[in-house]
């Protein structure tokens, strides 16, 4: 599978990290774009879960900086430089001796047009430090973890733009002029206000883009993502055109005062738009995904549940336009709430089409722990505050039933990975809440998670058993430790990927065993394991279809649904 790829500035070569069997353990290969032939020598250990991997080309395309791991370790990432045509074993470390063991490193120089910025995450908890590597000269530190900086991006003229959350929960934009690398020398370009700037993230490493004349900053609003456009002096001009409920981005400069940007909605396939800075207009590019089904009969409704502390929790509700809000429909509710990950609008799948055609309603909850309202929203649901995520989700499900979006005895809950942990919490804390629970590649024994290699990255998000206060919080919600003998549990379907390097499949196996041992009811407790797949990443088509068929067969059976084949 392809982990990631980065074309050279002139487009003649492309560097590709390739791994096998869902391992995410990548080796770097170089290809000539015109011929498709592999050139240069492969470089191993450039990519692992969860630290990932990254690469940035020199402006002249004669070499690149890249991440690499030590032998026999998926920790302690370092930054190396490779000149094309040389032996990779001679590549020297440029930066990394001072990085944390659980560093997650990203390299970005605007595709060769700006200073090279090295962003270093301290595991998965959302804190970053930043460095700049000049093309000639030694690396320079720009920020520390405690500076509360969400992103640093280089401009074509050599300046640096910074998203800072210091004394600014919604974020503010700072400018470091050319040659300045100390935050003490930064000046405020866009002060803090109601607009919530999005920090960088594993799934959006470049939330801030700078062209010669404009600044493009992703801003969040409870799930949807807009892009605010400023001039280089920090004056707000407009937001990029797009649908009301959408996720805009990434933004990619293409020269000539133009950028292309992605548009993702629930109902339409992903597409790229072209924005003209001078004219202030957008146009279709023709670059778009296609699919053989549509959602023209589907309605998107935005609503809010009220959490136990009074906080409003956003919900997106998806249904066919002929489904009545009368409390009879099957209801499937998705939740995640972690890592600052935004549950933003995403293209609906064929499985969702089948669900809607069978009369089902699908709801997506924007819980605390995510990034839907910025870093403060994330921090409200991490470390010792993780229970807040579970309470938010409980409030969402109850609100949906109370407002007649679904029948109380036809509710199913679904989440994966961190969302699988959420499902585990729902099973043991509120077994009465749903008829069925689908938990995909989840974490259930939170006390032992950090003992596994990838679990170390989660410590800054979940906490550590070595810290007394964090141990108490972890134990209080650890689903595996709160399975009770003789209790009646809902129908449960757990999935595990046998080659998962992010969440050990042992987690789902032992949770399934515990529930089967404890359950006093008659509803099934099932475990579905897939070999040759890692954490749902780039699943082979046949394996993906098999798992999807099994999960939806489970949901349809438990909620009394039948597949409906619409007329052609």
Protein backbone atom coordinates (compact mmCIF):
# COMPACT_ATOMS: atom_id res chain seq x y z
CA UNK A 1 0.00 0.00 0.00
CA UNK A 2 1.01 3.63 -0.51
CA UNK A 3 1.50 5.41 2.83
CA UNK A 4 2.19 8.80 1.25
CA UNK A 5 3.87 10.38 -1.76
CA UNK A 6 5.56 13.69 -2.52
CA UNK A 7 6.32 14.87 -6.09
CA UNK A 8 9.47 16.89 -6.76
CA UNK A 9 9.03 20.65 -7.38
CA UNK A 10 9.47 20.19 -11.14
CA UNK A 11 7.18 17.13 -11.23
CA UNK A 12 9.80 14.87 -12.77
CA UNK A 13 10.18 12.50 -9.83
CA UNK A 14 7.89 11.33 -7.08
CA UNK A 15 8.96 9.90 -3.72
CA UNK A 16 6.60 7.20 -2.44
CA UNK A 17 6.49 5.40 0.93
CA UNK A 18 5.22 1.85 0.42
CA UNK A 19 4.29 -0.73 3.06
CA UNK A 20 2.59 -4.13 2.98
CA UNK A 21 -0.30 -5.92 4.70
CA UNK A 22 -1.52 -2.81 6.46
CA UNK A 23 1.68 -2.63 8.53
CA UNK A 24 2.31 1.07 7.79
CA UNK A 25 6.02 0.18 7.98
CA UNK A 26 7.16 2.12 4.93
CA UNK A 27 10.15 2.00 2.61
CA UNK A 28 10.83 5.01 0.40
CA UNK A 29 10.99 4.48 -3.37
CA UNK A 30 11.77 7.05 -6.05
CA UNK A 31 10.09 6.96 -9.47
CA UNK A 32 10.57 8.79 -12.72
CA UNK A 33 7.14 10.22 -13.53
CA UNK A 34 7.53 10.06 -17.31
CA UNK A 35 8.64 6.43 -17.51
CA UNK A 36 7.33 4.96 -14.26
CA UNK A 37 10.75 3.42 -13.65
CA UNK A 38 12.21 3.31 -10.18
CA UNK A 39 15.30 5.48 -9.81
CA UNK A 40 17.72 5.99 -6.94
CA UNK A 41 17.98 3.48 -4.10
CA UNK A 42 15.16 2.53 -1.70
CA UNK A 43 15.41 3.89 1.84
CA UNK A 44 13.95 1.78 4.63
CA UNK A 45 12.24 2.69 7.90
CA UNK A 46 10.87 6.05 6.77
CA UNK A 47 7.34 5.42 8.07
CA UNK A 48 5.72 3.65 11.04
CA UNK A 49 2.47 3.96 12.99
CA UNK A 50 1.68 6.23 14.78
CA UNK A 51 4.63 8.54 14.25
CA UNK A 52 4.10 8.39 10.51
CA UNK A 53 6.64 9.73 8.07
CA UNK A 54 7.31 12.81 6.00
CA UNK A 55 9.47 14.26 3.20
CA UNK A 56 10.21 17.70 1.72
CA UNK A 57 12.16 18.36 -1.47
CA UNK A 58 14.85 20.95 -1.99
CA UNK A 59 13.72 23.84 -4.15
CA UNK A 60 16.03 22.67 -6.97
CA UNK A 61 14.89 19.03 -6.74
CA UNK A 62 18.43 17.74 -6.23
CA UNK A 63 17.66 16.15 -2.87
CA UNK A 64 15.22 16.03 0.02
CA UNK A 65 14.83 15.95 3.78
CA UNK A 66 12.99 12.94 5.17
CA UNK A 67 12.15 11.15 8.41
CA UNK A 68 13.74 7.84 9.39
CA UNK A 69 13.61 5.54 12.41
CA UNK A 70 16.46 3.65 14.10
CA UNK A 71 16.83 -0.07 13.48
CA UNK A 72 14.37 -2.24 15.43
CA UNK A 73 12.36 0.73 16.73
CA UNK A 74 9.22 2.65 15.81
CA UNK A 75 10.21 5.52 18.09
CA UNK A 76 12.81 8.30 18.06
CA UNK A 77 12.20 9.69 14.60
CA UNK A 78 15.02 11.73 13.11
CA UNK A 79 15.31 14.07 10.13
CA UNK A 80 17.88 13.12 7.47
CA UNK A 81 18.97 14.71 4.20
CA UNK A 82 19.45 12.71 1.00
CA UNK A 83 21.12 13.94 -2.18
CA UNK A 84 19.84 12.16 -5.28
CA UNK A 85 22.22 9.56 -6.63
CA UNK A 86 24.11 9.02 -3.37
CA UNK A 87 24.13 6.02 -1.04
CA UNK A 88 21.34 6.41 1.58
CA UNK A 89 23.57 4.76 4.19
CA UNK A 90 25.74 7.89 4.00
CA UNK A 91 22.81 10.23 4.72
CA UNK A 92 23.45 12.36 7.80
CA UNK A 93 21.07 13.27 10.61
CA UNK A 94 20.04 16.92 10.31
CA UNK A 95 17.76 17.14 13.34
CA UNK A 96 16.22 14.93 16.00
CA UNK A 97 18.57 14.24 18.88
CA UNK A 98 16.47 16.49 21.10
CA UNK A 99 13.10 15.04 20.03
CA UNK A 100 10.85 13.19 22.47
CA UNK A 101 10.78 9.39 22.16
CA UNK A 102 7.18 9.60 20.92
CA UNK A 103 7.82 12.45 18.48
CA UNK A 104 5.61 12.59 15.39
CA UNK A 105 7.44 14.67 12.78
CA UNK A 106 6.11 16.51 9.72
CA UNK A 107 8.19 18.44 7.18
CA UNK A 108 6.73 21.30 5.13
CA UNK A 109 8.36 23.85 2.85
CA UNK A 110 5.38 24.70 0.68
CA UNK A 111 6.47 22.24 -2.02
CA UNK A 112 9.86 23.90 -2.21
CA UNK A 113 8.63 27.51 -2.20
CA UNK A 114 9.11 28.44 1.47
CA UNK A 115 11.43 27.86 4.45
CA UNK A 116 11.46 24.24 5.67
CA UNK A 117 9.44 23.97 8.88
CA UNK A 118 9.75 20.85 11.04
CA UNK A 119 6.66 20.28 13.21
CA UNK A 120 7.11 17.85 16.10
CA UNK A 121 4.09 16.53 17.97
CA UNK A 122 4.57 15.17 21.49
CA UNK A 123 2.68 11.96 20.80
CA UNK A 124 -1.03 12.24 20.16
CA UNK A 125 -1.94 14.82 22.80
CA UNK A 126 -1.98 17.90 20.56
CA UNK A 127 1.18 19.76 21.72
CA UNK A 128 3.78 20.85 19.15
CA UNK A 129 7.27 22.27 18.89
CA UNK A 130 8.71 23.71 15.68
CA UNK A 131 12.09 24.16 14.01
CA UNK A 132 13.29 25.75 10.78
CA UNK A 133 16.00 24.15 8.64
CA UNK A 134 17.64 26.63 6.23
CA UNK A 135 18.88 25.18 2.91
CA UNK A 136 22.32 26.23 4.10
CA UNK A 137 22.91 26.50 7.81
CA UNK A 138 21.97 24.81 11.06
CA UNK A 139 18.42 24.08 12.30
CA UNK A 140 16.83 26.75 14.48
CA UNK A 141 14.19 26.18 17.16
CA UNK A 142 11.13 28.42 16.83
CA UNK A 143 8.68 27.11 19.47
CA UNK A 144 8.48 24.81 22.51
CA UNK A 145 5.58 22.57 23.57
CA UNK A 146 4.59 25.00 26.32
CA UNK A 147 4.21 27.87 23.83
CA UNK A 148 0.76 26.59 22.78
CA UNK A 149 1.46 27.02 19.08
CA UNK A 150 -0.80 25.06 16.73
CA UNK A 151 1.09 25.59 13.47
CA UNK A 152 4.07 27.36 11.92
CA UNK A 153 4.12 27.87 8.15
CA UNK A 154 6.71 29.47 5.90
CA UNK A 155 5.86 32.16 3.35
CA UNK A 156 7.39 32.44 -0.15
CA UNK A 157 9.33 35.55 0.98
CA UNK A 158 10.88 33.68 3.94
CA UNK A 159 8.64 35.01 6.71
CA UNK A 160 6.92 32.65 9.17
CA UNK A 161 3.25 32.68 10.12
CA UNK A 162 2.23 31.23 13.48
CA UNK A 163 -1.12 30.07 14.92
CA UNK A 164 -0.86 30.76 18.66
CA UNK A 165 -3.35 29.76 21.36
CA UNK A 166 -1.43 31.45 24.16
CA UNK A 167 -4.04 33.55 26.01
CA UNK A 168 -6.22 33.02 22.92
CA UNK A 169 -8.46 29.91 23.09
CA UNK A 170 -9.70 30.51 19.54
CA UNK A 171 -6.23 31.25 18.22
CA UNK A 172 -4.49 34.26 16.72
CA UNK A 173 -2.08 34.71 13.81
CA UNK A 174 1.43 35.98 14.52
CA UNK A 175 4.10 37.01 12.02
CA UNK A 176 7.84 36.46 12.28
CA UNK A 177 9.59 38.61 9.71
CA UNK A 178 12.33 37.18 7.51
CA UNK A 179 15.30 36.01 9.55
CA UNK A 180 13.49 36.15 12.89
CA UNK A 181 12.89 32.88 14.76
CA UNK A 182 12.00 33.91 18.32
CA UNK A 183 8.34 34.21 19.36
CA UNK A 184 9.38 37.23 21.41
CA UNK A 185 9.96 39.01 18.09
CA UNK A 186 6.57 38.03 16.62
CA UNK A 187 3.94 40.64 15.97
CA UNK A 188 0.19 40.03 15.93
CA UNK A 189 -1.21 39.90 12.43
CA UNK A 190 -4.76 38.70 13.18
CA UNK A 191 -5.86 39.13 16.81
CA UNK A 192 -7.99 36.60 18.67
CA UNK A 193 -11.73 36.81 18.11
CA UNK A 194 -14.79 34.68 17.47
CA UNK A 195 -13.14 32.93 14.53
CA UNK A 196 -11.62 29.58 15.66
CA UNK A 197 -8.40 28.71 13.83
CA UNK A 198 -7.74 25.05 13.15
CA UNK A 199 -4.38 23.69 14.38
CA UNK A 200 -2.33 21.24 12.37
CA UNK A 201 -3.26 17.59 12.73
CA UNK A 202 -2.32 14.16 11.41
CA UNK A 203 -5.18 14.46 8.91
CA UNK A 204 -4.56 18.13 8.09
CA UNK A 205 -0.88 18.99 8.43
CA UNK A 206 -1.27 22.28 6.54
CA UNK A 207 -4.26 24.26 7.92
CA UNK A 208 -2.51 27.52 7.00
CA UNK A 209 -1.33 28.39 3.48
CA UNK A 210 0.46 31.54 2.35
CA UNK A 211 0.78 32.87 -1.19
CA UNK A 212 2.46 36.04 -2.39
CA UNK A 213 -0.62 38.15 -1.64
CA UNK A 214 -2.95 36.10 0.54
CA UNK A 215 -3.22 34.01 3.72
CA UNK A 216 -5.66 31.08 3.82
CA UNK A 217 -6.58 29.75 7.26
CA UNK A 218 -8.93 26.88 8.01
CA UNK A 219 -11.50 27.77 10.68
CA UNK A 220 -13.80 25.36 12.50
CA UNK A 221 -17.42 25.67 13.58
CA UNK A 222 -18.70 22.55 15.31
CA UNK A 223 -17.87 20.13 12.47
CA UNK A 224 -17.96 22.13 9.22
CA UNK A 225 -14.64 23.68 8.19
CA UNK A 226 -14.36 26.99 6.31
CA UNK A 227 -11.32 28.79 4.91
CA UNK A 228 -10.85 32.44 5.88
CA UNK A 229 -8.92 34.58 3.41
CA UNK A 230 -6.74 37.48 4.61
CA UNK A 231 -4.36 39.81 2.82
CA UNK A 232 -0.71 39.66 3.85
CA UNK A 233 -1.27 42.51 6.32
CA UNK A 234 -3.85 40.40 8.18
CA UNK A 235 -7.00 42.14 6.93
CA UNK A 236 -9.93 39.75 6.54
CA UNK A 237 -11.20 39.64 2.96
CA UNK A 238 -13.72 36.79 2.79
CA UNK A 239 -14.23 33.08 3.24
CA UNK A 240 -13.75 30.76 0.28
CA UNK A 241 -17.04 29.98 -1.51
CA UNK A 242 -18.59 26.64 -0.64
CA UNK A 243 -21.74 24.88 0.59
CA UNK A 244 -23.09 25.70 4.05
CA UNK A 245 -22.38 22.30 5.59
CA UNK A 246 -18.99 21.36 4.17
CA UNK A 247 -15.31 20.88 4.90
CA UNK A 248 -13.09 23.12 2.76
CA UNK A 249 -9.44 22.22 2.23
CA UNK A 250 -6.73 21.44 1.50
CA UNK A 251 -5.71 24.69 -0.17
CA UNK A 252 -2.98 24.36 -2.81
CA UNK A 253 -1.34 27.37 -4.53
CA UNK A 254 -1.01 26.91 -8.28
CA UNK A 255 0.60 30.25 -9.16
CA UNK A 256 -0.71 33.26 -11.03
CA UNK A 257 -2.71 34.48 -8.04
CA UNK A 258 -4.80 31.33 -7.93
CA UNK A 259 -5.32 28.40 -5.54
CA UNK A 260 -7.28 25.18 -5.80
CA UNK A 261 -9.14 23.95 -2.74
CA UNK A 262 -11.03 20.82 -1.81
CA UNK A 263 -14.77 20.76 -1.14
CA UNK A 264 -16.20 17.86 0.85
CA UNK A 265 -19.89 17.50 1.65
CA UNK A 266 -22.04 14.61 2.84
CA UNK A 267 -24.10 14.43 -0.34
CA UNK A 268 -21.75 15.28 -3.23
CA UNK A 269 -18.47 13.61 -4.25
CA UNK A 270 -15.23 15.38 -3.29
CA UNK A 271 -14.12 17.98 -5.81
CA UNK A 272 -11.52 20.73 -6.27
CA UNK A 273 -12.49 24.35 -6.93
CA UNK A 274 -10.25 27.09 -8.40
CA UNK A 275 -10.17 30.45 -6.61
CA UNK A 276 -8.93 33.59 -8.35
CA UNK A 277 -7.49 36.00 -5.75
CA UNK A 278 -7.84 39.13 -7.88
CA UNK A 279 -11.36 38.49 -9.13
CA UNK A 280 -12.51 36.90 -5.86
CA UNK A 281 -14.37 34.18 -7.75
CA UNK A 282 -14.40 30.38 -7.72
CA UNK A 283 -14.88 27.99 -10.60
CA UNK A 284 -15.10 24.24 -11.10
CA UNK A 285 -11.86 22.53 -12.09
CA UNK A 286 -13.26 19.24 -13.34
CA UNK A 287 -11.09 17.47 -10.76
CA UNK A 288 -13.65 15.42 -8.83
CA UNK A 289 -14.43 11.95 -7.64
CA UNK A 290 -17.29 10.08 -9.28
CA UNK A 291 -19.65 7.41 -7.99
CA UNK A 292 -22.49 5.26 -9.25
CA UNK A 293 -25.10 6.35 -6.71
CA UNK A 294 -26.50 9.61 -5.42
CA UNK A 295 -28.07 11.19 -2.35
CA UNK A 296 -30.43 13.64 -4.04
CA UNK A 297 -33.27 12.31 -1.87
CA UNK A 298 -31.30 12.86 1.34
CA UNK A 299 -31.71 15.61 3.92
CA UNK A 300 -28.98 16.93 6.25
CA UNK A 301 -30.18 18.36 9.56
CA UNK A 302 -27.99 20.07 12.14
CA UNK A 303 -29.10 19.93 15.77
CA UNK A 304 -27.66 20.20 19.30
CA UNK A 305 -27.92 18.05 22.40
CA UNK A 306 -27.38 19.53 25.85
CA UNK A 307 -24.68 17.83 27.92
CA UNK A 308 -24.96 17.34 31.68
CA UNK A 309 -22.92 20.53 32.27
CA UNK A 310 -25.04 22.59 29.87
CA UNK A 311 -22.65 22.48 26.90
CA UNK A 312 -24.29 22.28 23.48
CA UNK A 313 -23.07 19.24 21.51
CA UNK A 314 -23.51 19.47 17.71
CA UNK A 315 -25.16 16.62 15.82
CA UNK A 316 -25.53 15.98 12.10
CA UNK A 317 -28.62 13.92 11.22
CA UNK A 318 -28.90 12.25 7.82
CA UNK A 319 -32.15 10.79 6.53
CA UNK A 320 -34.16 10.30 3.38
CA UNK A 321 -36.63 13.08 2.69
CA UNK A 322 -39.60 10.71 3.10
CA UNK A 323 -38.60 9.43 6.56
CA UNK A 324 -40.88 10.75 9.27
CA UNK A 325 -39.51 12.08 12.55
CA UNK A 326 -42.03 10.03 14.52
CA UNK A 327 -39.91 7.76 16.73
CA UNK A 328 -40.20 4.60 14.61
CA UNK A 329 -37.06 4.63 12.44
CA UNK A 330 -33.93 2.55 13.05
CA UNK A 331 -31.21 4.92 14.27
CA UNK A 332 -27.43 4.49 13.89
CA UNK A 333 -25.28 6.98 15.85
CA UNK A 334 -21.55 7.45 15.20
CA UNK A 335 -19.16 8.92 17.76
CA UNK A 336 -15.42 9.49 18.17
CA UNK A 337 -14.36 12.35 20.46
CA UNK A 338 -10.58 12.21 20.66
CA UNK A 339 -7.15 13.43 19.53
CA UNK A 340 -8.60 16.76 18.39
CA UNK A 341 -9.93 14.87 15.36
CA UNK A 342 -12.80 16.75 13.69
CA UNK A 343 -15.80 14.71 12.60
CA UNK A 344 -16.33 17.00 9.64
CA UNK A 345 -18.56 16.47 6.61
CA UNK A 346 -17.39 13.45 4.65
CA UNK A 347 -18.67 11.76 1.50
CA UNK A 348 -21.36 9.22 2.36
CA UNK A 349 -20.65 5.63 1.33
CA UNK A 350 -22.64 2.94 -0.50
CA UNK A 351 -23.29 1.29 2.87
CA UNK A 352 -24.96 4.49 4.07
CA UNK A 353 -27.09 4.48 0.90
CA UNK A 354 -28.24 0.96 1.77
CA UNK A 355 -28.96 2.06 5.36
CA UNK A 356 -31.07 5.02 4.24
CA UNK A 357 -32.95 2.97 1.63
CA UNK A 358 -33.96 0.57 4.40
CA UNK A 359 -35.56 3.48 6.27
CA UNK A 360 -32.70 4.09 8.67
CA UNK A 361 -31.51 7.40 10.11
CA UNK A 362 -27.78 8.07 10.51
CA UNK A 363 -26.44 10.59 13.04
CA UNK A 364 -22.92 11.86 13.66
CA UNK A 365 -21.99 13.42 17.02
CA UNK A 366 -19.37 16.19 17.37
CA UNK A 367 -18.18 15.34 20.89
CA UNK A 368 -15.71 17.06 23.14
CA UNK A 369 -12.28 15.48 22.80
CA UNK A 370 -12.46 16.27 19.09
CA UNK A 371 -11.36 19.50 17.47
CA UNK A 372 -14.74 20.81 16.32
CA UNK A 373 -14.33 24.02 18.35
CA UNK A 374 -10.54 24.14 18.55
CA UNK A 375 -7.99 23.00 21.15
CA UNK A 376 -10.16 23.89 24.16
CA UNK A 377 -12.87 21.53 22.89
CA UNK A 378 -10.22 18.82 22.57
CA UNK A 379 -8.80 19.38 26.05
CA UNK A 380 -12.26 19.23 27.58
CA UNK A 381 -12.32 15.53 26.66
CA UNK A 382 -8.77 14.22 27.09
CA UNK A 383 -6.55 12.92 29.90
CA UNK A 384 -8.53 13.01 33.17
CA UNK A 385 -11.53 14.55 31.36
CA UNK A 386 -12.16 11.56 29.08
CA UNK A 387 -15.42 10.67 30.84
CA UNK A 388 -16.82 13.91 29.41
CA UNK A 389 -16.74 12.32 25.94
CA UNK A 390 -18.87 9.41 27.12
CA UNK A 391 -21.32 11.69 28.88
CA UNK A 392 -21.63 13.87 25.77
CA UNK A 393 -22.40 10.86 23.59
CA UNK A 394 -24.99 9.60 26.06
CA UNK A 395 -26.70 12.99 25.92
CA UNK A 396 -26.67 12.92 22.11
CA UNK A 397 -28.30 9.48 21.89
CA UNK A 398 -30.96 10.36 24.42
CA UNK A 399 -31.68 13.65 22.64
CA UNK A 400 -32.13 11.86 19.30
CA UNK A 401 -34.59 9.40 20.83
CA UNK A 402 -36.44 12.13 22.75
CA UNK A 403 -36.83 14.18 19.56
CA UNK A 404 -38.23 11.16 17.70
CA UNK A 405 -35.38 10.61 15.25
CA UNK A 406 -35.34 6.94 16.16
CA UNK A 407 -37.20 4.25 18.05
CA UNK A 408 -35.84 3.62 21.54
CA UNK A 409 -35.69 -0.14 20.86
CA UNK A 410 -34.07 0.28 17.41
CA UNK A 411 -30.93 2.24 18.31
CA UNK A 412 -27.46 1.14 17.27
CA UNK A 413 -24.18 2.80 18.22
CA UNK A 414 -20.99 2.78 16.19
CA UNK A 415 -17.39 3.94 16.60
CA UNK A 416 -13.88 2.89 15.63
CA UNK A 417 -10.41 3.07 17.22
CA UNK A 418 -10.76 5.81 19.86
CA UNK A 419 -14.45 5.66 18.98
CA UNK A 420 -14.25 1.94 19.75
CA UNK A 421 -13.22 2.89 23.28
CA UNK A 422 -16.30 5.10 23.39
CA UNK A 423 -18.42 2.12 22.34
CA UNK A 424 -16.86 0.03 25.10
CA UNK A 425 -17.77 2.69 27.63
CA UNK A 426 -21.36 2.74 26.34
CA UNK A 427 -21.62 -1.05 26.63
CA UNK A 428 -20.59 -1.12 30.30
CA UNK A 429 -21.89 2.25 31.50
CA UNK A 430 -25.22 2.36 29.65
CA UNK A 431 -26.13 -1.13 28.40
CA UNK A 432 -29.78 0.00 28.20
CA UNK A 433 -29.00 2.83 25.76
CA UNK A 434 -28.94 0.77 22.56
CA UNK A 435 -30.14 -2.49 21.08
CA UNK A 436 -26.81 -3.03 19.28
CA UNK A 437 -23.26 -1.71 19.48
CA UNK A 438 -20.66 -1.93 16.69
CA UNK A 439 -17.11 -1.29 17.89
CA UNK A 440 -14.33 -1.36 15.28
CA UNK A 441 -10.65 -1.88 16.22
CA UNK A 442 -11.26 -0.39 19.65
CA UNK A 443 -9.32 0.02 22.90
CA UNK A 444 -10.95 -1.59 25.94
CA UNK A 445 -8.21 -2.23 28.52
CA UNK A 446 -6.95 1.30 29.05
CA UNK A 447 -4.66 0.28 31.92
CA UNK A 448 -2.43 -1.85 29.71
CA UNK A 449 -2.65 0.09 26.46
CA UNK A 450 0.59 1.99 27.08
CA UNK A 451 2.47 -1.33 27.49
CA UNK A 452 2.10 -1.97 23.77
CA UNK A 453 4.52 -0.17 21.42
CA UNK A 454 1.95 2.09 19.81
CA UNK A 455 0.25 2.73 23.14
CA UNK A 456 3.12 4.96 24.19
CA UNK A 457 1.95 7.58 21.67
CA UNK A 458 -1.46 7.65 23.41
CA UNK A 459 -0.13 8.62 26.84
CA UNK A 460 -0.35 12.35 26.08
CA UNK A 461 -4.00 11.84 25.04
CA UNK A 462 -5.28 9.23 27.52
CA UNK A 463 -2.80 9.56 30.39
CA UNK A 464 -0.53 7.05 32.10
CA UNK A 465 -1.06 4.51 34.87
CA UNK A 466 2.22 5.82 36.32
CA UNK A 467 0.50 9.08 37.26
CA UNK A 468 -1.83 8.47 40.26
CA UNK A 469 -4.52 10.92 39.18
CA UNK A 470 -4.48 9.70 35.58
CA UNK A 471 -4.52 6.07 36.76
CA UNK A 472 -7.70 6.70 38.72
CA UNK A 473 -9.35 8.28 35.68
CA UNK A 474 -8.23 5.46 33.37
CA UNK A 475 -9.48 2.77 35.72
CA UNK A 476 -12.78 4.56 36.29
CA UNK A 477 -13.76 4.22 32.63
CA UNK A 478 -11.69 1.25 31.36
CA UNK A 479 -14.43 -0.85 29.71
CA UNK A 480 -12.74 -4.21 30.21
CA UNK A 481 -12.44 -3.67 33.95
CA UNK A 482 -16.13 -2.85 34.32
CA UNK A 483 -17.68 -5.85 32.62
CA UNK A 484 -20.00 -7.35 35.28
CA UNK A 485 -20.93 -11.01 35.57
CA UNK A 486 -24.67 -11.57 35.32
CA UNK A 487 -25.48 -8.30 33.59
CA UNK A 488 -27.54 -8.17 30.41
CA UNK A 489 -25.65 -6.47 27.60
CA UNK A 490 -26.80 -5.25 24.19
CA UNK A 491 -25.91 -7.12 21.03
CA UNK A 492 -22.22 -6.42 20.39
CA UNK A 493 -20.11 -6.77 17.24
CA UNK A 494 -16.36 -6.19 17.72
CA UNK A 495 -13.92 -6.05 14.82
CA UNK A 496 -10.16 -6.59 15.02
CA UNK A 497 -7.48 -6.39 12.35
CA UNK A 498 -4.91 -9.11 12.96
CA UNK A 499 -2.00 -7.02 11.67
CA UNK A 500 -3.03 -3.81 13.41
CA UNK A 501 0.04 -1.88 14.59
CA UNK A 502 -1.96 0.95 16.14
CA UNK A 503 -4.40 -0.97 18.37
CA UNK A 504 -3.43 -4.48 19.41
CA UNK A 505 -6.16 -6.92 18.25
CA UNK A 506 -5.87 -8.45 21.73
CA UNK A 507 -8.04 -5.55 22.91
CA UNK A 508 -11.10 -6.70 20.97
CA UNK A 509 -10.42 -10.38 21.63
CA UNK A 510 -10.31 -10.07 25.41
CA UNK A 511 -13.31 -7.71 25.49
CA UNK A 512 -15.33 -10.19 23.45
CA UNK A 513 -14.33 -13.01 25.80
CA UNK A 514 -15.21 -10.97 28.89
CA UNK A 515 -18.64 -10.00 27.54
CA UNK A 516 -19.43 -13.57 26.45
CA UNK A 517 -18.50 -14.79 29.95
CA UNK A 518 -20.50 -12.12 31.74
CA UNK A 519 -23.61 -11.67 29.61
CA UNK A 520 -26.83 -12.95 31.16
CA UNK A 521 -28.96 -11.98 28.17
CA UNK A 522 -29.60 -13.69 24.85
CA UNK A 523 -28.27 -11.05 22.49
CA UNK A 524 -25.09 -12.10 20.63
CA UNK A 525 -21.55 -11.00 21.47
CA UNK A 526 -19.55 -11.41 18.24
CA UNK A 527 -15.91 -10.94 17.20
CA UNK A 528 -14.86 -10.47 13.57
CA UNK A 529 -11.12 -10.66 12.77
CA UNK A 530 -9.48 -9.86 9.44
CA UNK A 531 -5.94 -11.01 8.57
CA UNK A 532 -3.51 -8.99 6.45
CA UNK A 533 -5.11 -5.66 7.40
CA UNK A 534 -3.84 -2.97 9.75
CA UNK A 535 -6.17 -0.64 11.65
CA UNK A 536 -8.56 -0.23 8.75
CA UNK A 537 -5.81 1.35 6.62
CA UNK A 538 -5.98 0.68 2.85
CA UNK A 539 -8.08 -2.45 3.26
CA UNK A 540 -8.06 -4.80 0.25
CA UNK A 541 -11.36 -4.50 -1.59
CA UNK A 542 -12.47 -8.06 -0.90
CA UNK A 543 -11.67 -7.81 2.82
CA UNK A 544 -13.41 -4.46 3.08
CA UNK A 545 -16.55 -5.78 1.41
CA UNK A 546 -16.58 -8.85 3.65
CA UNK A 547 -16.27 -6.80 6.83
CA UNK A 548 -18.85 -4.25 5.70
CA UNK A 549 -21.31 -7.01 4.76
CA UNK A 550 -20.85 -8.70 8.13
CA UNK A 551 -21.30 -5.50 10.15
CA UNK A 552 -24.41 -4.39 8.30
CA UNK A 553 -25.90 -7.89 8.39
CA UNK A 554 -25.49 -7.69 12.16
CA UNK A 555 -27.11 -4.25 12.39
CA UNK A 556 -30.00 -5.16 10.08
CA UNK A 557 -30.70 -8.36 12.01
CA UNK A 558 -30.68 -6.71 15.41
CA UNK A 559 -32.80 -3.71 14.38
CA UNK A 560 -35.31 -5.73 12.35
CA UNK A 561 -34.41 -4.15 9.00
CA UNK A 562 -34.56 -5.52 5.45
CA UNK A 563 -32.44 -4.57 2.48
CA UNK A 564 -34.46 -2.54 -0.02
CA UNK A 565 -33.41 -2.57 -3.67
CA UNK A 566 -34.61 0.72 -5.17
CA UNK A 567 -36.16 0.60 -8.67
CA UNK A 568 -33.88 1.55 -11.55
